[in-house]
PDB file of all heavy atoms in Angstrom:
ATOM      1  N   GLU A   1     -69.292  12.105  20.184  1.00  0.00           N
ATOM      2  CA  GLU A   1     -70.118  10.954  20.573  1.00  0.00           C
ATOM      3  C   GLU A   1     -70.988  10.459  19.421  1.00  0.00           C
ATOM      4  O   GLU A   1     -71.222   9.266  19.279  1.00  0.00           O
ATOM      5  CB  GLU A   1     -71.005  11.314  21.761  1.00  0.00           C
ATOM      6  CG  GLU A   1     -70.233  11.468  23.047  1.00  0.00           C
ATOM      7  CD  GLU A   1     -71.076  12.003  24.203  1.00  0.00           C
ATOM      8  OE1 GLU A   1     -72.302  12.132  24.030  1.00  0.00           O
ATOM      9  OE2 GLU A   1     -70.501  12.288  25.253  1.00  0.00           O
ATOM     10  N   ARG A   2     -71.484  11.371  18.598  1.00  0.00           N
ATOM     11  CA  ARG A   2     -72.352  10.991  17.476  1.00  0.00           C
ATOM     12  C   ARG A   2     -71.562  10.533  16.263  1.00  0.00           C
ATOM     13  O   ARG A   2     -72.127  10.059  15.272  1.00  0.00           O
ATOM     14  CB  ARG A   2     -73.234  12.172  17.074  1.00  0.00           C
ATOM     15  CG  ARG A   2     -74.210  12.554  18.137  1.00  0.00           C
ATOM     16  CD  ARG A   2     -74.966  13.794  17.733  1.00  0.00           C
ATOM     17  NE  ARG A   2     -75.767  14.297  18.813  1.00  0.00           N
ATOM     18  CZ  ARG A   2     -76.904  14.955  18.650  1.00  0.00           C
ATOM     19  NH1 ARG A   2     -77.383  15.166  17.447  1.00  0.00           N
ATOM     20  NH2 ARG A   2     -77.571  15.389  19.686  1.00  0.00           N
ATOM     21  N   GLY A   3     -70.255  10.719  16.303  1.00  0.00           N
ATOM     22  CA  GLY A   3     -69.422  10.302  15.181  1.00  0.00           C
ATOM     23  C   GLY A   3     -69.621  11.141  13.939  1.00  0.00           C
ATOM     24  O   GLY A   3     -69.474  10.658  12.819  1.00  0.00           O
ATOM     25  N   ILE A   4     -69.913  12.427  14.130  1.00  0.00           N
ATOM     26  CA  ILE A   4     -70.099  13.327  12.984  1.00  0.00           C
ATOM     27  C   ILE A   4     -68.722  13.647  12.428  1.00  0.00           C
ATOM     28  O   ILE A   4     -67.910  14.298  13.070  1.00  0.00           O
ATOM     29  CB  ILE A   4     -70.835  14.618  13.413  1.00  0.00           C
ATOM     30  CG1 ILE A   4     -72.222  14.267  13.963  1.00  0.00           C
ATOM     31  CG2 ILE A   4     -70.944  15.567  12.227  1.00  0.00           C
ATOM     32  CD1 ILE A   4     -72.951  15.441  14.569  1.00  0.00           C
ATOM     33  N   GLY A   5     -68.464  13.183  11.229  1.00  0.00           N
ATOM     34  CA  GLY A   5     -67.157  13.375  10.623  1.00  0.00           C
ATOM     35  C   GLY A   5     -67.114  14.483   9.589  1.00  0.00           C
ATOM     36  O   GLY A   5     -66.044  14.963   9.214  1.00  0.00           O
ATOM     37  N   SER A   6     -68.286  14.896   9.110  1.00  0.00           N
ATOM     38  CA  SER A   6     -68.331  15.894   8.063  1.00  0.00           C
ATOM     39  C   SER A   6     -69.720  16.512   7.997  1.00  0.00           C
ATOM     40  O   SER A   6     -70.705  15.861   8.361  1.00  0.00           O
ATOM     41  CB  SER A   6     -68.007  15.250   6.720  1.00  0.00           C
ATOM     42  OG  SER A   6     -68.222  16.147   5.665  1.00  0.00           O
ATOM     43  N   LEU A   7     -69.777  17.731   7.543  1.00  0.00           N
ATOM     44  CA  LEU A   7     -71.054  18.376   7.264  1.00  0.00           C
ATOM     45  C   LEU A   7     -71.183  18.638   5.767  1.00  0.00           C
ATOM     46  O   LEU A   7     -71.971  19.448   5.335  1.00  0.00           O
ATOM     47  CB  LEU A   7     -71.172  19.707   8.035  1.00  0.00           C
ATOM     48  CG  LEU A   7     -71.267  19.592   9.538  1.00  0.00           C
ATOM     49  CD1 LEU A   7     -71.321  20.970  10.173  1.00  0.00           C
ATOM     50  CD2 LEU A   7     -72.457  18.773   9.953  1.00  0.00           C
ATOM     51  N   GLU A   8     -70.385  17.922   4.995  1.00  0.00           N
ATOM     52  CA  GLU A   8     -70.398  18.092   3.548  1.00  0.00           C
ATOM     53  C   GLU A   8     -71.595  17.365   2.943  1.00  0.00           C
ATOM     54  O   GLU A   8     -71.795  16.179   3.187  1.00  0.00           O
ATOM     55  CB  GLU A   8     -69.118  17.523   2.946  1.00  0.00           C
ATOM     56  CG  GLU A   8     -69.001  17.675   1.464  1.00  0.00           C
ATOM     57  CD  GLU A   8     -67.686  17.141   0.951  1.00  0.00           C
ATOM     58  OE1 GLU A   8     -66.642  17.630   1.392  1.00  0.00           O
ATOM     59  OE2 GLU A   8     -67.723  16.241   0.117  1.00  0.00           O
ATOM     60  N   PRO A   9     -72.425  18.076   2.189  1.00  0.00           N
ATOM     61  CA  PRO A   9     -73.555  17.406   1.557  1.00  0.00           C
ATOM     62  C   PRO A   9     -73.071  16.380   0.534  1.00  0.00           C
ATOM     63  O   PRO A   9     -72.160  16.644  -0.241  1.00  0.00           O
ATOM     64  CB  PRO A   9     -74.334  18.535   0.880  1.00  0.00           C
ATOM     65  CG  PRO A   9     -73.407  19.700   0.853  1.00  0.00           C
ATOM     66  CD  PRO A   9     -72.354  19.479   1.882  1.00  0.00           C
ATOM     67  N   ARG A  10     -73.643  15.215   0.532  1.00  0.00           N
ATOM     68  CA  ARG A  10     -73.200  14.150  -0.357  1.00  0.00           C
ATOM     69  C   ARG A  10     -73.356  14.443  -1.849  1.00  0.00           C
ATOM     70  O   ARG A  10     -72.505  14.067  -2.623  1.00  0.00           O
ATOM     71  CB  ARG A  10     -73.927  12.835  -0.004  1.00  0.00           C
ATOM     72  CG  ARG A  10     -73.535  12.348   1.364  1.00  0.00           C
ATOM     73  CD  ARG A  10     -72.072  11.941   1.362  1.00  0.00           C
ATOM     74  NE  ARG A  10     -71.650  11.713   2.734  1.00  0.00           N
ATOM     75  CZ  ARG A  10     -70.521  12.159   3.247  1.00  0.00           C
ATOM     76  NH1 ARG A  10     -69.678  12.833   2.532  1.00  0.00           N
ATOM     77  NH2 ARG A  10     -70.204  11.895   4.484  1.00  0.00           N
ATOM     78  N   PRO A  11     -74.415  15.092  -2.291  1.00  0.00           N
ATOM     79  CA  PRO A  11     -74.551  15.327  -3.746  1.00  0.00           C
ATOM     80  C   PRO A  11     -73.491  16.293  -4.291  1.00  0.00           C
ATOM     81  O   PRO A  11     -73.209  16.284  -5.461  1.00  0.00           O
ATOM     82  CB  PRO A  11     -75.932  15.943  -3.908  1.00  0.00           C
ATOM     83  CG  PRO A  11     -76.663  15.642  -2.647  1.00  0.00           C
ATOM     84  CD  PRO A  11     -75.615  15.501  -1.585  1.00  0.00           C
ATOM     85  N   ILE A  12     -72.906  17.114  -3.434  1.00  0.00           N
ATOM     86  CA  ILE A  12     -71.916  18.080  -3.894  1.00  0.00           C
ATOM     87  C   ILE A  12     -70.550  17.642  -3.399  1.00  0.00           C
ATOM     88  O   ILE A  12     -70.279  17.645  -2.209  1.00  0.00           O
ATOM     89  CB  ILE A  12     -72.235  19.503  -3.357  1.00  0.00           C
ATOM     90  CG1 ILE A  12     -73.613  19.929  -3.824  1.00  0.00           C
ATOM     91  CG2 ILE A  12     -71.166  20.498  -3.793  1.00  0.00           C
ATOM     92  CD1 ILE A  12     -74.098  21.236  -3.210  1.00  0.00           C
ATOM     93  N   ARG A  13     -69.713  17.257  -4.293  1.00  0.00           N
ATOM     94  CA  ARG A  13     -68.368  16.808  -3.944  1.00  0.00           C
ATOM     95  C   ARG A  13     -67.411  17.999  -3.932  1.00  0.00           C
ATOM     96  O   ARG A  13     -67.464  18.871  -4.798  1.00  0.00           O
ATOM     97  CB  ARG A  13     -67.871  15.769  -4.926  1.00  0.00           C
ATOM     98  CG  ARG A  13     -68.725  14.533  -4.937  1.00  0.00           C
ATOM     99  CD  ARG A  13     -68.509  13.764  -3.661  1.00  0.00           C
ATOM    100  NE  ARG A  13     -69.293  12.560  -3.664  1.00  0.00           N
ATOM    101  CZ  ARG A  13     -70.007  12.138  -2.635  1.00  0.00           C
ATOM    102  NH1 ARG A  13     -70.062  12.842  -1.540  1.00  0.00           N
ATOM    103  NH2 ARG A  13     -70.679  11.027  -2.692  1.00  0.00           N
ATOM    104  N   HIS A  14     -66.534  18.017  -2.938  1.00  0.00           N
ATOM    105  CA  HIS A  14     -65.618  19.148  -2.787  1.00  0.00           C
ATOM    106  C   HIS A  14     -64.677  19.309  -3.968  1.00  0.00           C
ATOM    107  O   HIS A  14     -64.199  20.392  -4.235  1.00  0.00           O
ATOM    108  CB  HIS A  14     -64.822  19.005  -1.488  1.00  0.00           C
ATOM    109  CG  HIS A  14     -63.758  17.961  -1.531  1.00  0.00           C
ATOM    110  ND1 HIS A  14     -64.023  16.637  -1.309  1.00  0.00           N
ATOM    111  CD2 HIS A  14     -62.441  18.049  -1.793  1.00  0.00           C
ATOM    112  CE1 HIS A  14     -62.892  15.960  -1.419  1.00  0.00           C
ATOM    113  NE2 HIS A  14     -61.925  16.779  -1.708  1.00  0.00           N
ATOM    114  N   ASN A  15     -64.407  18.240  -4.685  1.00  0.00           N
ATOM    115  CA  ASN A  15     -63.448  18.325  -5.799  1.00  0.00           C
ATOM    116  C   ASN A  15     -64.126  18.402  -7.172  1.00  0.00           C
ATOM    117  O   ASN A  15     -63.474  18.261  -8.185  1.00  0.00           O
ATOM    118  CB  ASN A  15     -62.463  17.162  -5.748  1.00  0.00           C
ATOM    119  CG  ASN A  15     -63.156  15.824  -5.807  1.00  0.00           C
ATOM    120  OD1 ASN A  15     -64.379  15.748  -5.785  1.00  0.00           O
ATOM    121  ND2 ASN A  15     -62.378  14.761  -5.849  1.00  0.00           N
ATOM    122  N   ALA A  16     -65.438  18.630  -7.192  1.00  0.00           N
ATOM    123  CA  ALA A  16     -66.128  18.769  -8.481  1.00  0.00           C
ATOM    124  C   ALA A  16     -65.592  20.016  -9.206  1.00  0.00           C
ATOM    125  O   ALA A  16     -65.407  21.064  -8.571  1.00  0.00           O
ATOM    126  CB  ALA A  16     -67.633  18.906  -8.270  1.00  0.00           C
ATOM    127  N   PRO A  17     -65.322  19.935 -10.489  1.00  0.00           N
ATOM    128  CA  PRO A  17     -64.679  21.037 -11.210  1.00  0.00           C
ATOM    129  C   PRO A  17     -65.426  22.360 -11.130  1.00  0.00           C
ATOM    130  O   PRO A  17     -64.799  23.414 -11.132  1.00  0.00           O
ATOM    131  CB  PRO A  17     -64.640  20.549 -12.655  1.00  0.00           C
ATOM    132  CG  PRO A  17     -64.766  19.074 -12.573  1.00  0.00           C
ATOM    133  CD  PRO A  17     -65.548  18.775 -11.349  1.00  0.00           C
ATOM    134  N   LEU A  18     -66.737  22.350 -11.041  1.00  0.00           N
ATOM    135  CA  LEU A  18     -67.480  23.604 -11.048  1.00  0.00           C
ATOM    136  C   LEU A  18     -67.674  24.233  -9.670  1.00  0.00           C
ATOM    137  O   LEU A  18     -68.265  25.301  -9.560  1.00  0.00           O
ATOM    138  CB  LEU A  18     -68.859  23.378 -11.696  1.00  0.00           C
ATOM    139  CG  LEU A  18     -68.824  22.948 -13.153  1.00  0.00           C
ATOM    140  CD1 LEU A  18     -70.236  22.674 -13.655  1.00  0.00           C
ATOM    141  CD2 LEU A  18     -68.155  24.005 -14.013  1.00  0.00           C
ATOM    142  N   THR A  19     -67.180  23.584  -8.613  1.00  0.00           N
ATOM    143  CA  THR A  19     -67.396  24.135  -7.274  1.00  0.00           C
ATOM    144  C   THR A  19     -66.407  25.236  -6.904  1.00  0.00           C
ATOM    145  O   THR A  19     -66.668  25.999  -5.988  1.00  0.00           O
ATOM    146  CB  THR A  19     -67.337  23.042  -6.203  1.00  0.00           C
ATOM    147  OG1 THR A  19     -66.074  22.397  -6.251  1.00  0.00           O
ATOM    148  CG2 THR A  19     -68.453  22.039  -6.391  1.00  0.00           C
ATOM    149  N   ALA A  20     -65.279  25.320  -7.586  1.00  0.00           N
ATOM    150  CA  ALA A  20     -64.297  26.358  -7.276  1.00  0.00           C
ATOM    151  C   ALA A  20     -63.252  26.443  -8.371  1.00  0.00           C
ATOM    152  O   ALA A  20     -63.010  25.479  -9.093  1.00  0.00           O
ATOM    153  CB  ALA A  20     -63.598  26.072  -5.945  1.00  0.00           C
ATOM    154  N   ARG A  21     -62.638  27.607  -8.443  1.00  0.00           N
ATOM    155  CA  ARG A  21     -61.528  27.778  -9.391  1.00  0.00           C
ATOM    156  C   ARG A  21     -60.362  26.899  -8.968  1.00  0.00           C
ATOM    157  O   ARG A  21     -60.092  26.741  -7.781  1.00  0.00           O
ATOM    158  CB  ARG A  21     -61.086  29.242  -9.383  1.00  0.00           C
ATOM    159  CG  ARG A  21     -62.086  30.174  -9.953  1.00  0.00           C
ATOM    160  CD  ARG A  21     -61.707  31.623  -9.845  1.00  0.00           C
ATOM    161  NE  ARG A  21     -60.291  31.883  -9.597  1.00  0.00           N
ATOM    162  CZ  ARG A  21     -59.810  33.086  -9.337  1.00  0.00           C
ATOM    163  NH1 ARG A  21     -60.606  34.132  -9.307  1.00  0.00           N
ATOM    164  NH2 ARG A  21     -58.536  33.266  -9.116  1.00  0.00           N
ATOM    165  N   PRO A  22     -59.637  26.325  -9.898  1.00  0.00           N
ATOM    166  CA  PRO A  22     -58.514  25.444  -9.551  1.00  0.00           C
ATOM    167  C   PRO A  22     -57.465  26.115  -8.688  1.00  0.00           C
ATOM    168  O   PRO A  22     -56.881  25.489  -7.804  1.00  0.00           O
ATOM    169  CB  PRO A  22     -57.938  25.052 -10.915  1.00  0.00           C
ATOM    170  CG  PRO A  22     -59.063  25.213 -11.875  1.00  0.00           C
ATOM    171  CD  PRO A  22     -59.883  26.357 -11.346  1.00  0.00           C
ATOM    172  N   ASP A  23     -57.208  27.404  -8.901  1.00  0.00           N
ATOM    173  CA  ASP A  23     -56.172  28.087  -8.123  1.00  0.00           C
ATOM    174  C   ASP A  23     -56.610  28.388  -6.687  1.00  0.00           C
ATOM    175  O   ASP A  23     -55.808  28.827  -5.876  1.00  0.00           O
ATOM    176  CB  ASP A  23     -55.709  29.367  -8.815  1.00  0.00           C
ATOM    177  CG  ASP A  23     -56.838  30.346  -9.093  1.00  0.00           C
ATOM    178  OD1 ASP A  23     -57.954  29.891  -9.410  1.00  0.00           O
ATOM    179  OD2 ASP A  23     -56.609  31.559  -8.988  1.00  0.00           O
ATOM    180  N   PHE A  24     -57.878  28.131  -6.356  1.00  0.00           N
ATOM    181  CA  PHE A  24     -58.359  28.316  -4.981  1.00  0.00           C
ATOM    182  C   PHE A  24     -58.285  27.018  -4.178  1.00  0.00           C
ATOM    183  O   PHE A  24     -58.591  27.002  -3.016  1.00  0.00           O
ATOM    184  CB  PHE A  24     -59.794  28.827  -4.983  1.00  0.00           C
ATOM    185  CG  PHE A  24     -59.911  30.310  -5.130  1.00  0.00           C
ATOM    186  CD1 PHE A  24     -58.910  31.072  -5.715  1.00  0.00           C
ATOM    187  CD2 PHE A  24     -61.043  30.960  -4.687  1.00  0.00           C
ATOM    188  CE1 PHE A  24     -59.038  32.433  -5.857  1.00  0.00           C
ATOM    189  CE2 PHE A  24     -61.178  32.339  -4.834  1.00  0.00           C
ATOM    190  CZ  PHE A  24     -60.165  33.079  -5.408  1.00  0.00           C
ATOM    191  N   ARG A  25     -57.921  25.917  -4.824  1.00  0.00           N
ATOM    192  CA  ARG A  25     -57.900  24.616  -4.143  1.00  0.00           C
ATOM    193  C   ARG A  25     -56.568  24.385  -3.435  1.00  0.00           C
ATOM    194  O   ARG A  25     -55.509  24.707  -3.942  1.00  0.00           O
ATOM    195  CB  ARG A  25     -58.141  23.508  -5.147  1.00  0.00           C
ATOM    196  CG  ARG A  25     -59.511  23.555  -5.758  1.00  0.00           C
ATOM    197  CD  ARG A  25     -59.763  22.308  -6.591  1.00  0.00           C
ATOM    198  NE  ARG A  25     -61.039  22.432  -7.264  1.00  0.00           N
ATOM    199  CZ  ARG A  25     -62.206  22.240  -6.686  1.00  0.00           C
ATOM    200  NH1 ARG A  25     -62.270  21.909  -5.426  1.00  0.00           N
ATOM    201  NH2 ARG A  25     -63.326  22.382  -7.351  1.00  0.00           N
ATOM    202  N   GLY A  26     -56.678  23.778  -2.267  1.00  0.00           N
ATOM    203  CA  GLY A  26     -55.489  23.384  -1.524  1.00  0.00           C
ATOM    204  C   GLY A  26     -54.971  22.052  -2.036  1.00  0.00           C
ATOM    205  O   GLY A  26     -55.548  21.444  -2.950  1.00  0.00           O
ATOM    206  N   GLN A  27     -53.912  21.569  -1.432  1.00  0.00           N
ATOM    207  CA  GLN A  27     -53.327  20.297  -1.854  1.00  0.00           C
ATOM    208  C   GLN A  27     -54.285  19.115  -1.652  1.00  0.00           C
ATOM    209  O   GLN A  27     -54.186  18.109  -2.320  1.00  0.00           O
ATOM    210  CB  GLN A  27     -52.033  20.046  -1.123  1.00  0.00           C
ATOM    211  CG  GLN A  27     -50.934  21.002  -1.529  1.00  0.00           C
ATOM    212  CD  GLN A  27     -49.647  20.736  -0.795  1.00  0.00           C
ATOM    213  OE1 GLN A  27     -49.571  19.886   0.067  1.00  0.00           O
ATOM    214  NE2 GLN A  27     -48.611  21.477  -1.138  1.00  0.00           N
ATOM    215  N   ASN A  28     -55.227  19.257  -0.704  1.00  0.00           N
ATOM    216  CA  ASN A  28     -56.174  18.176  -0.435  1.00  0.00           C
ATOM    217  C   ASN A  28     -57.379  18.219  -1.364  1.00  0.00           C
ATOM    218  O   ASN A  28     -58.279  17.399  -1.251  1.00  0.00           O
ATOM    219  CB  ASN A  28     -56.624  18.206   1.013  1.00  0.00           C
ATOM    220  CG  ASN A  28     -57.342  19.492   1.373  1.00  0.00           C
ATOM    221  OD1 ASN A  28     -57.606  20.333   0.522  1.00  0.00           O
ATOM    222  ND2 ASN A  28     -57.643  19.663   2.638  1.00  0.00           N
ATOM    223  N   GLY A  29     -57.429  19.198  -2.270  1.00  0.00           N
ATOM    224  CA  GLY A  29     -58.530  19.305  -3.222  1.00  0.00           C
ATOM    225  C   GLY A  29     -59.657  20.205  -2.786  1.00  0.00           C
ATOM    226  O   GLY A  29     -60.504  20.574  -3.583  1.00  0.00           O
ATOM    227  N   TYR A  30     -59.704  20.573  -1.519  1.00  0.00           N
ATOM    228  CA  TYR A  30     -60.762  21.442  -1.028  1.00  0.00           C
ATOM    229  C   TYR A  30     -60.499  22.878  -1.456  1.00  0.00           C
ATOM    230  O   TYR A  30     -59.358  23.346  -1.468  1.00  0.00           O
ATOM    231  CB  TYR A  30     -60.853  21.405   0.498  1.00  0.00           C
ATOM    232  CG  TYR A  30     -61.546  20.187   1.026  1.00  0.00           C
ATOM    233  CD1 TYR A  30     -60.858  18.999   1.241  1.00  0.00           C
ATOM    234  CD2 TYR A  30     -62.909  20.206   1.282  1.00  0.00           C
ATOM    235  CE1 TYR A  30     -61.492  17.878   1.709  1.00  0.00           C
ATOM    236  CE2 TYR A  30     -63.549  19.095   1.762  1.00  0.00           C
ATOM    237  CZ  TYR A  30     -62.846  17.929   1.979  1.00  0.00           C
ATOM    238  OH  TYR A  30     -63.492  16.832   2.444  1.00  0.00           O
ATOM    239  N   ALA A  31     -61.563  23.574  -1.814  1.00  0.00           N
ATOM    240  CA  ALA A  31     -61.451  24.970  -2.196  1.00  0.00           C
ATOM    241  C   ALA A  31     -61.262  25.843  -0.965  1.00  0.00           C
ATOM    242  O   ALA A  31     -61.991  25.696   0.016  1.00  0.00           O
ATOM    243  CB  ALA A  31     -62.693  25.411  -2.955  1.00  0.00           C
ATOM    244  N   ALA A  32     -60.285  26.691  -1.017  1.00  0.00           N
ATOM    245  CA  ALA A  32     -60.052  27.685   0.041  1.00  0.00           C
ATOM    246  C   ALA A  32     -60.077  27.054   1.419  1.00  0.00           C
ATOM    247  O   ALA A  32     -60.754  27.534   2.333  1.00  0.00           O
ATOM    248  CB  ALA A  32     -61.079  28.807  -0.086  1.00  0.00           C
TER     249      ALA A  32
END
């Protein structure tokens, strides 16, 4: 009802290079 689509904080992007090792990322770019 509230239209909550994500709980991802805006300043931290899921595909930022320093957020996870490349081999831990799925095809969608999200880590683990």
